[in-house]
Amino acid sequence: MNSTLRYRPTTQLAILWQCGQLQKVRLNELQVLEYLSNAVVFLGYAETPLLGRRKRYEMAHDGLYSLCLGTVFLQELLPFDQDGSRSLVLQLAFELLELTVADLHRVLHAEIRREEVLNNPEALVFEAEIIEMVGLNCRALQQARKVYPEWFS
């Protein structure tokens, strides 16, 4: 069965696979849809003022990461679980989704901040940080809809 969601990896992704940064996986359409569903649901949680700021911030990050994982998974590749793999997925997905370099810098900076928050239970999370992550999520989802319209049908 040929999937309508299957994409041929870019040259950059093929090189990362050959260098052992990514692993080849079999495309599973249900898994791809789960990544997208998680991205949308987590974004909804991030926008819910009933949850605390820390939880909303975490949901915003998890939603964006889920979308990014799904984007890379569409290429039949996933990262190995190793240091830096999360940032690699974010960078690759932002390139595949044709998002701006400015947004890529924002998300990579936010990823460093996320680590600080996760490792320090006393760290404060500011509403502006949540708003920025929600905005990044929304832009990424809009781009994903343009680049991979069949993913949303």
Protein backbone atom coordinates (compact mmCIF):
# COMPACT_ATOMS: atom_id res chain seq x y z
CA MET A 1 0.00 0.00 0.00
CA ASN A 2 1.37 3.40 -0.96
CA SER A 3 0.71 6.13 1.54
CA THR A 4 -0.48 9.53 0.38
CA LEU A 5 1.56 10.97 3.24
CA ARG A 6 4.93 9.54 2.17
CA TYR A 7 7.66 12.02 1.20
CA ARG A 8 11.11 11.43 -0.15
CA PRO A 9 13.76 12.67 2.30
CA THR A 10 15.67 15.77 1.30
CA THR A 11 19.39 15.49 0.58
CA GLN A 12 20.13 16.98 4.00
CA LEU A 13 17.98 14.36 5.73
CA ALA A 14 19.54 11.55 3.72
CA ILE A 15 23.00 12.73 4.79
CA LEU A 16 21.94 12.88 8.45
CA TRP A 17 20.58 9.35 8.13
CA GLN A 18 23.82 8.11 6.57
CA CYS A 19 25.82 9.80 9.35
CA GLY A 20 23.75 8.06 12.02
CA GLN A 21 21.92 11.15 13.31
CA LEU A 22 18.55 9.83 12.14
CA GLN A 23 17.12 6.35 11.79
CA LYS A 24 14.98 5.03 8.98
CA VAL A 25 11.46 4.10 10.07
CA ARG A 26 8.43 2.68 8.33
CA LEU A 27 5.70 5.23 7.78
CA ASN A 28 2.63 4.58 9.89
CA GLU A 29 -0.24 6.85 8.95
CA LEU A 30 -1.91 6.48 12.34
CA GLN A 31 1.30 7.55 14.07
CA VAL A 32 1.61 10.55 11.74
CA LEU A 33 -1.96 11.58 12.54
CA GLU A 34 -1.27 11.10 16.24
CA TYR A 35 1.64 13.55 16.04
CA LEU A 36 -0.63 16.11 14.37
CA SER A 37 -3.47 15.47 16.82
CA ASN A 38 -1.13 15.89 19.78
CA ALA A 39 0.15 19.15 18.33
CA VAL A 40 -3.38 20.54 18.05
CA VAL A 41 -4.56 19.26 21.45
CA PHE A 42 -1.46 20.49 23.28
CA LEU A 43 -1.81 23.89 21.63
CA GLY A 44 -5.37 24.03 22.95
CA TYR A 45 -4.13 23.23 26.45
CA ALA A 46 -1.44 25.92 26.15
CA GLU A 47 -4.14 28.46 25.34
CA THR A 48 -6.33 27.42 28.31
CA PRO A 49 -6.03 29.96 31.12
CA LEU A 50 -7.43 27.42 33.60
CA LEU A 51 -4.10 25.62 33.62
CA GLY A 52 -1.12 27.12 35.41
CA ARG A 53 1.54 28.98 33.46
CA ARG A 54 4.13 26.26 33.95
CA LYS A 55 1.81 23.55 32.57
CA ARG A 56 0.70 25.76 29.66
CA TYR A 57 4.33 26.46 28.81
CA GLU A 58 5.11 22.75 28.86
CA MET A 59 2.08 21.99 26.66
CA ALA A 60 3.11 24.66 24.14
CA HIS A 61 6.56 23.09 23.85
CA ASP A 62 5.22 19.55 23.65
CA GLY A 63 2.71 20.51 20.97
CA LEU A 64 5.32 22.14 18.79
CA TYR A 65 7.71 19.23 19.26
CA SER A 66 4.98 16.76 18.33
CA LEU A 67 4.32 18.66 15.10
CA CYS A 68 8.04 18.71 14.37
CA LEU A 69 8.41 14.98 15.03
CA GLY A 70 5.49 14.31 12.70
CA THR A 71 7.07 16.47 10.03
CA VAL A 72 10.32 14.51 10.17
CA PHE A 73 8.40 11.22 10.43
CA LEU A 74 6.66 12.04 7.13
CA GLN A 75 10.12 11.63 5.60
CA GLU A 76 10.29 8.12 7.13
CA LEU A 77 13.00 9.22 9.52
CA LEU A 78 13.20 9.82 13.26
CA PRO A 79 16.04 10.84 15.57
CA PHE A 80 17.88 8.48 17.83
CA ASP A 81 17.28 9.24 21.49
CA GLN A 82 20.49 11.10 22.24
CA ASP A 83 21.66 14.50 23.45
CA GLY A 84 20.66 17.22 21.02
CA SER A 85 18.07 15.13 19.17
CA ARG A 86 15.21 17.38 20.22
CA SER A 87 16.93 20.50 18.88
CA LEU A 88 17.83 18.62 15.70
CA VAL A 89 14.18 17.69 15.12
CA LEU A 90 13.06 21.28 15.71
CA GLN A 91 15.64 22.61 13.26
CA LEU A 92 14.89 20.04 10.57
CA ALA A 93 11.13 20.50 10.85
CA PHE A 94 11.38 24.28 10.72
CA GLU A 95 13.37 23.93 7.50
CA LEU A 96 10.95 21.39 6.03
CA LEU A 97 8.01 23.61 6.95
CA GLU A 98 9.78 26.60 5.40
CA LEU A 99 9.48 28.67 8.56
CA THR A 100 11.62 31.77 9.02
CA VAL A 101 15.14 31.76 10.38
CA ALA A 102 13.92 34.23 13.02
CA ASP A 103 11.32 31.70 14.19
CA LEU A 104 13.97 28.98 14.22
CA HIS A 105 16.16 31.13 16.47
CA ARG A 106 13.16 31.81 18.72
CA VAL A 107 12.34 28.13 19.09
CA LEU A 108 15.95 27.10 19.73
CA HIS A 109 16.27 29.81 22.38
CA ALA A 110 12.94 28.70 23.86
CA GLU A 111 14.27 25.14 23.95
CA ILE A 112 17.18 26.26 26.14
CA ARG A 113 14.72 28.08 28.38
CA ARG A 114 12.50 24.97 28.51
CA GLU A 115 15.45 22.98 29.89
CA GLU A 116 15.99 25.64 32.56
CA VAL A 117 12.34 25.49 33.58
CA LEU A 118 12.25 21.69 33.63
CA ASN A 119 15.40 21.46 35.74
CA ASN A 120 14.41 24.14 38.24
CA PRO A 121 11.01 23.75 39.92
CA GLU A 122 11.38 27.28 41.30
CA ALA A 123 11.83 28.86 37.84
CA LEU A 124 9.09 31.31 36.96
CA VAL A 125 7.30 31.07 33.65
CA PHE A 126 6.07 34.36 32.25
CA GLU A 127 2.88 34.85 30.25
CA ALA A 128 4.91 36.44 27.44
CA GLU A 129 6.86 33.18 27.05
CA ILE A 130 3.64 31.22 26.69
CA ILE A 131 2.25 33.72 24.18
CA GLU A 132 5.44 33.47 22.11
CA MET A 133 5.32 29.65 22.10
CA VAL A 134 1.63 29.63 21.19
CA GLY A 135 2.42 32.00 18.31
CA LEU A 136 5.22 29.72 17.10
CA ASN A 137 2.83 26.77 17.29
CA CYS A 138 0.18 28.57 15.28
CA ARG A 139 2.65 29.63 12.58
CA ALA A 140 4.09 26.12 12.38
CA LEU A 141 0.62 24.58 12.06
CA GLN A 142 -0.33 27.07 9.33
CA GLN A 143 2.85 26.24 7.42
CA ALA A 144 2.31 22.51 7.88
CA ARG A 145 -1.16 22.95 6.38
CA LYS A 146 0.42 24.63 3.33
CA VAL A 147 3.36 22.25 2.90
CA TYR A 148 1.51 19.01 3.75
CA PRO A 149 -2.19 19.66 2.96
CA GLU A 150 -2.98 15.91 2.78
CA TRP A 151 -1.93 15.59 6.42
CA PHE A 152 -4.94 17.75 7.34
CA SER A 153 -7.56 16.15 5.09
